[in-house]
Amino acid sequence: MEENIPAPNIACSLSDEAFRKRRATVRKAMLPHMVNGERMETGLRLTFADTAELRSSVENFIHLERQCCGFLTFTLAPPTDGLILTIEGPPEAQATLDMFSDAAIGQ
């Protein structure tokens, strides 16, 4: 017997104003410190200069994004592997992943 598993809600819960503020913060605090960005089939991998301050900013970003985009998975590599953020999602989230990719790596 097949279970009816509801599809994830593929929508950001931020208001337009909150979204603009979040985007501006990320562009100022995180993206200038990105050293590599790679688009993957299921998402993207972003590598940053590994400093304690930036790690704190990325951890805060993950915390906030998990609240508004629960359909995405945000994974931060262990400190010994550098500051690598992976953002992944289901096929239905491609538009959102494309938006992240466009903002971060222009692809």
PDB file of N, CA and C in Angstrom:
ATOM      1  N   MET A   1       0.838  -1.185   0.000  1.00  0.00           N
ATOM      2  CA  MET A   1       0.000   0.000   0.000  1.00  0.00           C
ATOM      3  C   MET A   1       0.882   1.247   0.000  1.00  0.00           C
ATOM      4  N   GLU A   2       0.615   2.162  -0.905  1.00  0.00           N
ATOM      5  CA  GLU A   2       1.390   3.401  -1.016  1.00  0.00           C
ATOM      6  C   GLU A   2       0.908   4.435  -0.021  1.00  0.00           C
ATOM      7  N   GLU A   3       1.865   5.094   0.610  1.00  0.00           N
ATOM      8  CA  GLU A   3       1.527   6.189   1.517  1.00  0.00           C
ATOM      9  C   GLU A   3       1.417   7.481   0.741  1.00  0.00           C
ATOM     10  N   ASN A   4       0.502   8.306   1.134  1.00  0.00           N
ATOM     11  CA  ASN A   4       0.415   9.647   0.555  1.00  0.00           C
ATOM     12  C   ASN A   4       1.295  10.567   1.369  1.00  0.00           C
ATOM     13  N   ILE A   5       2.468  10.841   0.837  1.00  0.00           N
ATOM     14  CA  ILE A   5       3.400  11.736   1.506  1.00  0.00           C
ATOM     15  C   ILE A   5       3.255  13.098   0.857  1.00  0.00           C
ATOM     16  N   PRO A   6       2.902  14.107   1.650  1.00  0.00           N
ATOM     17  CA  PRO A   6       2.721  15.433   1.043  1.00  0.00           C
ATOM     18  C   PRO A   6       4.016  15.978   0.462  1.00  0.00           C
ATOM     19  N   ALA A   7       3.906  16.637  -0.668  1.00  0.00           N
ATOM     20  CA  ALA A   7       5.070  17.278  -1.291  1.00  0.00           C
ATOM     21  C   ALA A   7       5.507  18.447  -0.419  1.00  0.00           C
ATOM     22  N   PRO A   8       6.797  18.709  -0.388  1.00  0.00           N
ATOM     23  CA  PRO A   8       7.253  19.845   0.412  1.00  0.00           C
ATOM     24  C   PRO A   8       6.712  21.158  -0.161  1.00  0.00           C
ATOM     25  N   ASN A   9       6.451  22.103   0.721  1.00  0.00           N
ATOM     26  CA  ASN A   9       5.996  23.414   0.288  1.00  0.00           C
ATOM     27  C   ASN A   9       7.206  24.164  -0.273  1.00  0.00           C
ATOM     28  N   ILE A  10       7.222  24.374  -1.579  1.00  0.00           N
ATOM     29  CA  ILE A  10       8.362  25.006  -2.244  1.00  0.00           C
ATOM     30  C   ILE A  10       8.069  26.505  -2.377  1.00  0.00           C
ATOM     31  N   ALA A  11       8.209  27.190  -1.269  1.00  0.00           N
ATOM     32  CA  ALA A  11       7.987  28.635  -1.274  1.00  0.00           C
ATOM     33  C   ALA A  11       8.712  29.247  -0.077  1.00  0.00           C
ATOM     34  N   CYS A  12       9.378  30.345  -0.323  1.00  0.00           N
ATOM     35  CA  CYS A  12      10.048  31.079   0.747  1.00  0.00           C
ATOM     36  C   CYS A  12       8.988  31.795   1.570  1.00  0.00           C
ATOM     37  N   SER A  13       9.136  31.760   2.880  1.00  0.00           N
ATOM     38  CA  SER A  13       8.143  32.390   3.745  1.00  0.00           C
ATOM     39  C   SER A  13       8.465  33.851   4.067  1.00  0.00           C
ATOM     40  N   LEU A  14       9.557  34.393   3.507  1.00  0.00           N
ATOM     41  CA  LEU A  14       9.921  35.787   3.782  1.00  0.00           C
ATOM     42  C   LEU A  14       9.038  36.746   3.000  1.00  0.00           C
ATOM     43  N   SER A  15       8.761  37.886   3.598  1.00  0.00           N
ATOM     44  CA  SER A  15       8.087  38.959   2.861  1.00  0.00           C
ATOM     45  C   SER A  15       9.080  39.522   1.843  1.00  0.00           C
ATOM     46  N   ASP A  16       8.580  40.274   0.884  1.00  0.00           N
ATOM     47  CA  ASP A  16       9.478  40.864  -0.116  1.00  0.00           C
ATOM     48  C   ASP A  16      10.537  41.747   0.537  1.00  0.00           C
ATOM     49  N   GLU A  17      10.141  42.528   1.523  1.00  0.00           N
ATOM     50  CA  GLU A  17      11.085  43.419   2.208  1.00  0.00           C
ATOM     51  C   GLU A  17      12.136  42.623   2.976  1.00  0.00           C
ATOM     52  N   ALA A  18      11.710  41.606   3.702  1.00  0.00           N
ATOM     53  CA  ALA A  18      12.655  40.772   4.448  1.00  0.00           C
ATOM     54  C   ALA A  18      13.603  40.052   3.492  1.00  0.00           C
ATOM     55  N   PHE A  19      13.085  39.605   2.344  1.00  0.00           N
ATOM     56  CA  PHE A  19      13.918  38.939   1.346  1.00  0.00           C
ATOM     57  C   PHE A  19      14.987  39.897   0.817  1.00  0.00           C
ATOM     58  N   ARG A  20      14.603  41.138   0.503  1.00  0.00           N
ATOM     59  CA  ARG A  20      15.573  42.126   0.007  1.00  0.00           C
ATOM     60  C   ARG A  20      16.665  42.399   1.045  1.00  0.00           C
ATOM     61  N   LYS A  21      16.275  42.502   2.300  1.00  0.00           N
ATOM     62  CA  LYS A  21      17.248  42.748   3.366  1.00  0.00           C
ATOM     63  C   LYS A  21      18.202  41.560   3.514  1.00  0.00           C
ATOM     64  N   ARG A  22      17.656  40.351   3.478  1.00  0.00           N
ATOM     65  CA  ARG A  22      18.499  39.150   3.592  1.00  0.00           C
ATOM     66  C   ARG A  22      19.484  39.084   2.444  1.00  0.00           C
ATOM     67  N   ARG A  23      19.007  39.337   1.236  1.00  0.00           N
ATOM     68  CA  ARG A  23      19.872  39.293   0.051  1.00  0.00           C
ATOM     69  C   ARG A  23      20.983  40.330   0.166  1.00  0.00           C
ATOM     70  N   ALA A  24      20.649  41.536   0.612  1.00  0.00           N
ATOM     71  CA  ALA A  24      21.656  42.596   0.755  1.00  0.00           C
ATOM     72  C   ALA A  24      22.704  42.207   1.798  1.00  0.00           C
ATOM     73  N   THR A  25      22.270  41.604   2.891  1.00  0.00           N
ATOM     74  CA  THR A  25      23.197  41.177   3.935  1.00  0.00           C
ATOM     75  C   THR A  25      24.148  40.111   3.417  1.00  0.00           C
ATOM     76  N   VAL A  26      23.620  39.134   2.695  1.00  0.00           N
ATOM     77  CA  VAL A  26      24.453  38.057   2.154  1.00  0.00           C
ATOM     78  C   VAL A  26      25.443  38.609   1.145  1.00  0.00           C
ATOM     79  N   ARG A  27      24.984  39.509   0.290  1.00  0.00           N
ATOM     80  CA  ARG A  27      25.886  40.098  -0.712  1.00  0.00           C
ATOM     81  C   ARG A  27      27.017  40.885  -0.067  1.00  0.00           C
ATOM     82  N   LYS A  28      26.748  41.484   1.065  1.00  0.00           N
ATOM     83  CA  LYS A  28      27.768  42.301   1.733  1.00  0.00           C
ATOM     84  C   LYS A  28      28.660  41.467   2.652  1.00  0.00           C
ATOM     85  N   ALA A  29      28.062  40.561   3.425  1.00  0.00           N
ATOM     86  CA  ALA A  29      28.814  39.852   4.466  1.00  0.00           C
ATOM     87  C   ALA A  29      29.456  38.549   4.002  1.00  0.00           C
ATOM     88  N   MET A  30      28.868  37.899   2.992  1.00  0.00           N
ATOM     89  CA  MET A  30      29.369  36.574   2.626  1.00  0.00           C
ATOM     90  C   MET A  30      29.974  36.501   1.222  1.00  0.00           C
ATOM     91  N   LEU A  31      29.259  36.941   0.228  1.00  0.00           N
ATOM     92  CA  LEU A  31      29.701  36.722  -1.149  1.00  0.00           C
ATOM     93  C   LEU A  31      31.064  37.313  -1.499  1.00  0.00           C
ATOM     94  N   PRO A  32      31.453  38.466  -0.938  1.00  0.00           N
ATOM     95  CA  PRO A  32      32.804  38.967  -1.258  1.00  0.00           C
ATOM     96  C   PRO A  32      33.921  38.031  -0.778  1.00  0.00           C
ATOM     97  N   HIS A  33      33.596  37.117   0.132  1.00  0.00           N
ATOM     98  CA  HIS A  33      34.600  36.215   0.695  1.00  0.00           C
ATOM     99  C   HIS A  33      34.538  34.820   0.076  1.00  0.00           C
ATOM    100  N   MET A  34      33.707  34.654  -0.936  1.00  0.00           N
ATOM    101  CA  MET A  34      33.600  33.364  -1.600  1.00  0.00           C
ATOM    102  C   MET A  34      34.806  33.171  -2.513  1.00  0.00           C
ATOM    103  N   VAL A  35      35.437  32.000  -2.412  1.00  0.00           N
ATOM    104  CA  VAL A  35      36.602  31.719  -3.245  1.00  0.00           C
ATOM    105  C   VAL A  35      36.279  30.747  -4.375  1.00  0.00           C
ATOM    106  N   ASN A  36      35.155  30.052  -4.267  1.00  0.00           N
ATOM    107  CA  ASN A  36      34.749  29.138  -5.337  1.00  0.00           C
ATOM    108  C   ASN A  36      33.254  28.843  -5.212  1.00  0.00           C
ATOM    109  N   GLY A  37      32.610  28.728  -6.345  1.00  0.00           N
ATOM    110  CA  GLY A  37      31.207  28.349  -6.392  1.00  0.00           C
ATOM    111  C   GLY A  37      31.008  27.332  -7.487  1.00  0.00           C
ATOM    112  N   GLU A  38      30.253  26.302  -7.180  1.00  0.00           N
ATOM    113  CA  GLU A  38      30.062  25.221  -8.135  1.00  0.00           C
ATOM    114  C   GLU A  38      28.595  24.807  -8.140  1.00  0.00           C
ATOM    115  N   ARG A  39      28.005  24.766  -9.327  1.00  0.00           N
ATOM    116  CA  ARG A  39      26.627  24.294  -9.473  1.00  0.00           C
ATOM    117  C   ARG A  39      26.664  22.789  -9.599  1.00  0.00           C
ATOM    118  N   MET A  40      25.812  22.123  -8.853  1.00  0.00           N
ATOM    119  CA  MET A  40      25.696  20.673  -8.912  1.00  0.00           C
ATOM    120  C   MET A  40      24.295  20.332  -9.405  1.00  0.00           C
ATOM    121  N   GLU A  41      24.068  19.090  -9.735  1.00  0.00           N
ATOM    122  CA  GLU A  41      22.749  18.685 -10.231  1.00  0.00           C
ATOM    123  C   GLU A  41      21.651  18.969  -9.208  1.00  0.00           C
ATOM    124  N   THR A  42      21.941  18.744  -7.941  1.00  0.00           N
ATOM    125  CA  THR A  42      20.917  18.905  -6.902  1.00  0.00           C
ATOM    126  C   THR A  42      21.044  20.209  -6.120  1.00  0.00           C
ATOM    127  N   GLY A  43      21.976  21.070  -6.502  1.00  0.00           N
ATOM    128  CA  GLY A  43      22.140  22.315  -5.770  1.00  0.00           C
ATOM    129  C   GLY A  43      23.427  23.022  -6.106  1.00  0.00           C
ATOM    130  N   LEU A  44      24.081  23.566  -5.082  1.00  0.00           N
ATOM    131  CA  LEU A  44      25.348  24.242  -5.307  1.00  0.00           C
ATOM    132  C   LEU A  44      26.241  24.128  -4.091  1.00  0.00           C
ATOM    133  N   ARG A  45      27.532  24.275  -4.336  1.00  0.00           N
ATOM    134  CA  ARG A  45      28.547  24.214  -3.290  1.00  0.00           C
ATOM    135  C   ARG A  45      29.332  25.517  -3.345  1.00  0.00           C
ATOM    136  N   LEU A  46      29.385  26.185  -2.198  1.00  0.00           N
ATOM    137  CA  LEU A  46      30.081  27.470  -2.100  1.00  0.00           C
ATOM    138  C   LEU A  46      31.224  27.337  -1.101  1.00  0.00           C
ATOM    139  N   THR A  47      32.414  27.752  -1.504  1.00  0.00           N
ATOM    140  CA  THR A  47      33.583  27.702  -0.639  1.00  0.00           C
ATOM    141  C   THR A  47      33.985  29.135  -0.304  1.00  0.00           C
ATOM    142  N   PHE A  48      34.200  29.382   0.978  1.00  0.00           N
ATOM    143  CA  PHE A  48      34.538  30.720   1.454  1.00  0.00           C
ATOM    144  C   PHE A  48      35.899  30.718   2.130  1.00  0.00           C
ATOM    145  N   ALA A  49      36.501  31.914   2.221  1.00  0.00           N
ATOM    146  CA  ALA A  49      37.702  32.078   3.037  1.00  0.00           C
ATOM    147  C   ALA A  49      37.306  31.706   4.462  1.00  0.00           C
ATOM    148  N   ASP A  50      38.078  30.857   5.100  1.00  0.00           N
ATOM    149  CA  ASP A  50      37.675  30.320   6.403  1.00  0.00           C
ATOM    150  C   ASP A  50      38.232  31.165   7.535  1.00  0.00           C
ATOM    151  N   THR A  51      37.376  32.046   8.040  1.00  0.00           N
ATOM    152  CA  THR A  51      37.708  32.837   9.219  1.00  0.00           C
ATOM    153  C   THR A  51      36.598  32.626  10.242  1.00  0.00           C
ATOM    154  N   ALA A  52      36.903  32.841  11.501  1.00  0.00           N
ATOM    155  CA  ALA A  52      35.906  32.651  12.556  1.00  0.00           C
ATOM    156  C   ALA A  52      34.709  33.576  12.345  1.00  0.00           C
ATOM    157  N   GLU A  53      34.963  34.815  11.961  1.00  0.00           N
ATOM    158  CA  GLU A  53      33.876  35.774  11.756  1.00  0.00           C
ATOM    159  C   GLU A  53      32.976  35.355  10.603  1.00  0.00           C
ATOM    160  N   LEU A  54      33.579  34.928   9.505  1.00  0.00           N
ATOM    161  CA  LEU A  54      32.788  34.511   8.349  1.00  0.00           C
ATOM    162  C   LEU A  54      32.035  33.218   8.652  1.00  0.00           C
ATOM    163  N   ARG A  55      32.676  32.295   9.357  1.00  0.00           N
ATOM    164  CA  ARG A  55      31.991  31.053   9.738  1.00  0.00           C
ATOM    165  C   ARG A  55      30.741  31.390  10.545  1.00  0.00           C
ATOM    166  N   SER A  56      30.844  32.334  11.443  1.00  0.00           N
ATOM    167  CA  SER A  56      29.694  32.750  12.235  1.00  0.00           C
ATOM    168  C   SER A  56      28.592  33.330  11.334  1.00  0.00           C
ATOM    169  N   SER A  57      28.978  34.140  10.343  1.00  0.00           N
ATOM    170  CA  SER A  57      27.999  34.703   9.405  1.00  0.00           C
ATOM    171  C   SER A  57      27.310  33.610   8.597  1.00  0.00           C
ATOM    172  N   VAL A  58      28.076  32.621   8.136  1.00  0.00           N
ATOM    173  CA  VAL A  58      27.502  31.526   7.351  1.00  0.00           C
ATOM    174  C   VAL A  58      26.585  30.674   8.225  1.00  0.00           C
ATOM    175  N   GLU A  59      26.987  30.394   9.449  1.00  0.00           N
ATOM    176  CA  GLU A  59      26.140  29.624  10.361  1.00  0.00           C
ATOM    177  C   GLU A  59      24.830  30.365  10.638  1.00  0.00           C
ATOM    178  N   ASN A  60      24.902  31.676  10.805  1.00  0.00           N
ATOM    179  CA  ASN A  60      23.700  32.472  11.022  1.00  0.00           C
ATOM    180  C   ASN A  60      22.803  32.438   9.773  1.00  0.00           C
ATOM    181  N   PHE A  61      23.406  32.562   8.600  1.00  0.00           N
ATOM    182  CA  PHE A  61      22.672  32.471   7.338  1.00  0.00           C
ATOM    183  C   PHE A  61      21.933  31.135   7.250  1.00  0.00           C
ATOM    184  N   ILE A  62      22.613  30.043   7.563  1.00  0.00           N
ATOM    185  CA  ILE A  62      21.988  28.719   7.519  1.00  0.00           C
ATOM    186  C   ILE A  62      20.806  28.657   8.474  1.00  0.00           C
ATOM    187  N   HIS A  63      21.001  29.141   9.682  1.00  0.00           N
ATOM    188  CA  HIS A  63      19.928  29.139  10.679  1.00  0.00           C
ATOM    189  C   HIS A  63      18.698  29.890  10.154  1.00  0.00           C
ATOM    190  N   LEU A  64      18.917  31.066   9.594  1.00  0.00           N
ATOM    191  CA  LEU A  64      17.803  31.869   9.085  1.00  0.00           C
ATOM    192  C   LEU A  64      17.149  31.234   7.868  1.00  0.00           C
ATOM    193  N   GLU A  65      17.947  30.706   6.963  1.00  0.00           N
ATOM    194  CA  GLU A  65      17.399  30.103   5.742  1.00  0.00           C
ATOM    195  C   GLU A  65      16.613  28.832   6.039  1.00  0.00           C
ATOM    196  N   ARG A  66      17.012  28.081   7.009  1.00  0.00           N
ATOM    197  CA  ARG A  66      16.262  26.873   7.376  1.00  0.00           C
ATOM    198  C   ARG A  66      14.864  27.225   7.865  1.00  0.00           C
ATOM    199  N   GLN A  67      14.711  28.413   8.427  1.00  0.00           N
ATOM    200  CA  GLN A  67      13.407  28.840   8.910  1.00  0.00           C
ATOM    201  C   GLN A  67      12.471  29.237   7.770  1.00  0.00           C
ATOM    202  N   CYS A  68      13.002  29.850   6.725  1.00  0.00           N
ATOM    203  CA  CYS A  68      12.141  30.349   5.650  1.00  0.00           C
ATOM    204  C   CYS A  68      12.119  29.446   4.422  1.00  0.00           C
ATOM    205  N   CYS A  69      13.102  28.602   4.270  1.00  0.00           N
ATOM    206  CA  CYS A  69      13.181  27.707   3.106  1.00  0.00           C
ATOM    207  C   CYS A  69      13.418  26.282   3.584  1.00  0.00           C
ATOM    208  N   GLY A  70      12.462  25.751   4.318  1.00  0.00           N
ATOM    209  CA  GLY A  70      12.584  24.428   4.904  1.00  0.00           C
ATOM    210  C   GLY A  70      12.674  23.304   3.885  1.00  0.00           C
ATOM    211  N   PHE A  71      12.385  23.594   2.643  1.00  0.00           N
ATOM    212  CA  PHE A  71      12.458  22.590   1.577  1.00  0.00           C
ATOM    213  C   PHE A  71      13.880  22.413   1.054  1.00  0.00           C
ATOM    214  N   LEU A  72      14.802  23.260   1.492  1.00  0.00           N
ATOM    215  CA  LEU A  72      16.203  23.149   1.079  1.00  0.00           C
ATOM    216  C   LEU A  72      17.028  22.557   2.223  1.00  0.00           C
ATOM    217  N   THR A  73      18.132  21.934   1.859  1.00  0.00           N
ATOM    218  CA  THR A  73      19.067  21.388   2.838  1.00  0.00           C
ATOM    219  C   THR A  73      20.341  22.220   2.787  1.00  0.00           C
ATOM    220  N   PHE A  74      20.741  22.749   3.926  1.00  0.00           N
ATOM    221  CA  PHE A  74      21.961  23.551   4.049  1.00  0.00           C
ATOM    222  C   PHE A  74      22.948  22.763   4.892  1.00  0.00           C
ATOM    223  N   THR A  75      24.119  22.471   4.324  1.00  0.00           N
ATOM    224  CA  THR A  75      25.123  21.678   5.017  1.00  0.00           C
ATOM    225  C   THR A  75      26.429  22.453   5.042  1.00  0.00           C
ATOM    226  N   LEU A  76      27.004  22.568   6.226  1.00  0.00           N
ATOM    227  CA  LEU A  76      28.292  23.233   6.392  1.00  0.00           C
ATOM    228  C   LEU A  76      29.334  22.167   6.714  1.00  0.00           C
ATOM    229  N   ALA A  77      30.410  22.153   5.930  1.00  0.00           N
ATOM    230  CA  ALA A  77      31.472  21.162   6.129  1.00  0.00           C
ATOM    231  C   ALA A  77      32.071  21.328   7.522  1.00  0.00           C
ATOM    232  N   PRO A  78      32.583  20.236   8.082  1.00  0.00           N
ATOM    233  CA  PRO A  78      33.267  20.342   9.378  1.00  0.00           C
ATOM    234  C   PRO A  78      34.431  21.328   9.287  1.00  0.00           C
ATOM    235  N   PRO A  79      34.758  22.003  10.379  1.00  0.00           N
ATOM    236  CA  PRO A  79      35.825  23.016  10.362  1.00  0.00           C
ATOM    237  C   PRO A  79      37.137  22.535   9.765  1.00  0.00           C
ATOM    238  N   THR A  80      37.444  21.256   9.907  1.00  0.00           N
ATOM    239  CA  THR A  80      38.707  20.745   9.377  1.00  0.00           C
ATOM    240  C   THR A  80      38.730  20.702   7.851  1.00  0.00           C
ATOM    241  N   ASP A  81      37.555  20.779   7.225  1.00  0.00           N
ATOM    242  CA  ASP A  81      37.472  20.711   5.763  1.00  0.00           C
ATOM    243  C   ASP A  81      37.393  22.086   5.105  1.00  0.00           C
ATOM    244  N   GLY A  82      37.434  23.154   5.888  1.00  0.00           N
ATOM    245  CA  GLY A  82      37.301  24.497   5.344  1.00  0.00           C
ATOM    246  C   GLY A  82      35.867  24.984   5.470  1.00  0.00           C
ATOM    247  N   LEU A  83      35.609  26.127   4.933  1.00  0.00           N
ATOM    248  CA  LEU A  83      34.285  26.745   5.039  1.00  0.00           C
ATOM    249  C   LEU A  83      33.545  26.491   3.733  1.00  0.00           C
ATOM    250  N   ILE A  84      32.862  25.356   3.672  1.00  0.00           N
ATOM    251  CA  ILE A  84      32.159  24.936   2.466  1.00  0.00           C
ATOM    252  C   ILE A  84      30.688  24.758   2.797  1.00  0.00           C
ATOM    253  N   LEU A  85      29.851  25.516   2.113  1.00  0.00           N
ATOM    254  CA  LEU A  85      28.403  25.461   2.288  1.00  0.00           C
ATOM    255  C   LEU A  85      27.796  24.778   1.077  1.00  0.00           C
ATOM    256  N   THR A  86      27.001  23.744   1.328  1.00  0.00           N
ATOM    257  CA  THR A  86      26.269  23.068   0.265  1.00  0.00           C
ATOM    258  C   THR A  86      24.793  23.340   0.467  1.00  0.00           C
ATOM    259  N   ILE A  87      24.129  23.761  -0.611  1.00  0.00           N
ATOM    260  CA  ILE A  87      22.687  24.019  -0.591  1.00  0.00           C
ATOM    261  C   ILE A  87      22.063  23.087  -1.613  1.00  0.00           C
ATOM    262  N   GLU A  88      21.142  22.236  -1.158  1.00  0.00           N
ATOM    263  CA  GLU A  88      20.512  21.275  -2.053  1.00  0.00           C
ATOM    264  C   GLU A  88      19.001  21.275  -1.851  1.00  0.00           C
ATOM    265  N   GLY A  89      18.306  20.765  -2.865  1.00  0.00           N
ATOM    266  CA  GLY A  89      16.865  20.685  -2.766  1.00  0.00           C
ATOM    267  C   GLY A  89      16.294  19.707  -3.763  1.00  0.00           C
ATOM    268  N   PRO A  90      14.999  19.451  -3.648  1.00  0.00           N
ATOM    269  CA  PRO A  90      14.343  18.523  -4.558  1.00  0.00           C
ATOM    270  C   PRO A  90      14.190  19.151  -5.949  1.00  0.00           C
ATOM    271  N   PRO A  91      13.884  18.342  -6.947  1.00  0.00           N
ATOM    272  CA  PRO A  91      13.720  18.878  -8.313  1.00  0.00           C
ATOM    273  C   PRO A  91      12.722  20.039  -8.386  1.00  0.00           C
ATOM    274  N   GLU A  92      11.704  20.006  -7.547  1.00  0.00           N
ATOM    275  CA  GLU A  92      10.692  21.068  -7.554  1.00  0.00           C
ATOM    276  C   GLU A  92      11.259  22.414  -7.095  1.00  0.00           C
ATOM    277  N   ALA A  93      12.420  22.398  -6.493  1.00  0.00           N
ATOM    278  CA  ALA A  93      13.031  23.628  -5.968  1.00  0.00           C
ATOM    279  C   ALA A  93      14.063  24.221  -6.915  1.00  0.00           C
ATOM    280  N   GLN A  94      14.106  23.768  -8.157  1.00  0.00           N
ATOM    281  CA  GLN A  94      15.129  24.243  -9.095  1.00  0.00           C
ATOM    282  C   GLN A  94      15.117  25.757  -9.274  1.00  0.00           C
ATOM    283  N   ALA A  95      13.949  26.371  -9.311  1.00  0.00           N
ATOM    284  CA  ALA A  95      13.899  27.828  -9.485  1.00  0.00           C
ATOM    285  C   ALA A  95      14.579  28.539  -8.318  1.00  0.00           C
ATOM    286  N   THR A  96      14.362  28.054  -7.121  1.00  0.00           N
ATOM    287  CA  THR A  96      14.999  28.655  -5.944  1.00  0.00           C
ATOM    288  C   THR A  96      16.500  28.404  -5.968  1.00  0.00           C
ATOM    289  N   LEU A  97      16.901  27.189  -6.318  1.00  0.00           N
ATOM    290  CA  LEU A  97      18.337  26.885  -6.406  1.00  0.00           C
ATOM    291  C   LEU A  97      18.997  27.708  -7.506  1.00  0.00           C
ATOM    292  N   ASP A  98      18.302  27.919  -8.609  1.00  0.00           N
ATOM    293  CA  ASP A  98      18.826  28.776  -9.678  1.00  0.00           C
ATOM    294  C   ASP A  98      19.041  30.196  -9.177  1.00  0.00           C
ATOM    295  N   MET A  99      18.103  30.683  -8.359  1.00  0.00           N
ATOM    296  CA  MET A  99      18.226  32.036  -7.810  1.00  0.00           C
ATOM    297  C   MET A  99      19.466  32.133  -6.920  1.00  0.00           C
ATOM    298  N   PHE A 100      19.671  31.140  -6.043  1.00  0.00           N
ATOM    299  CA  PHE A 100      20.871  31.124  -5.201  1.00  0.00           C
ATOM    300  C   PHE A 100      22.124  31.080  -6.072  1.00  0.00           C
ATOM    301  N   SER A 101      22.096  30.226  -7.087  1.00  0.00           N
ATOM    302  CA  SER A 101      23.248  30.078  -7.972  1.00  0.00           C
ATOM    303  C   SER A 101      23.544  31.363  -8.718  1.00  0.00           C
ATOM    304  N   ASP A 102      22.517  31.992  -9.271  1.00  0.00           N
ATOM    305  CA  ASP A 102      22.697  33.250  -9.992  1.00  0.00           C
ATOM    306  C   ASP A 102      23.333  34.314  -9.105  1.00  0.00           C
ATOM    307  N   ALA A 103      22.842  34.411  -7.870  1.00  0.00           N
ATOM    308  CA  ALA A 103      23.361  35.417  -6.943  1.00  0.00           C
ATOM    309  C   ALA A 103      24.802  35.129  -6.542  1.00  0.00           C
ATOM    310  N   ALA A 104      25.116  33.849  -6.352  1.00  0.00           N
ATOM    311  CA  ALA A 104      26.430  33.499  -5.811  1.00  0.00           C
ATOM    312  C   ALA A 104      27.485  33.307  -6.898  1.00  0.00           C
ATOM    313  N   ILE A 105      27.132  32.608  -7.978  1.00  0.00           N
ATOM    314  CA  ILE A 105      28.155  32.272  -8.949  1.00  0.00           C
ATOM    315  C   ILE A 105      27.794  32.659 -10.381  1.00  0.00           C
ATOM    316  N   GLY A 106      26.649  33.278 -10.545  1.00  0.00           N
ATOM    317  CA  GLY A 106      26.283  33.783 -11.866  1.00  0.00           C
ATOM    318  C   GLY A 106      25.963  32.721 -12.884  1.00  0.00           C
ATOM    319  N   GLN A 107      25.514  31.569 -12.435  1.00  0.00           N
ATOM    320  CA  GLN A 107      25.156  30.494 -13.368  1.00  0.00           C
ATOM    321  C   GLN A 107      23.725  30.070 -13.158  1.00  0.00           C
TER     322      GLN A 107
END
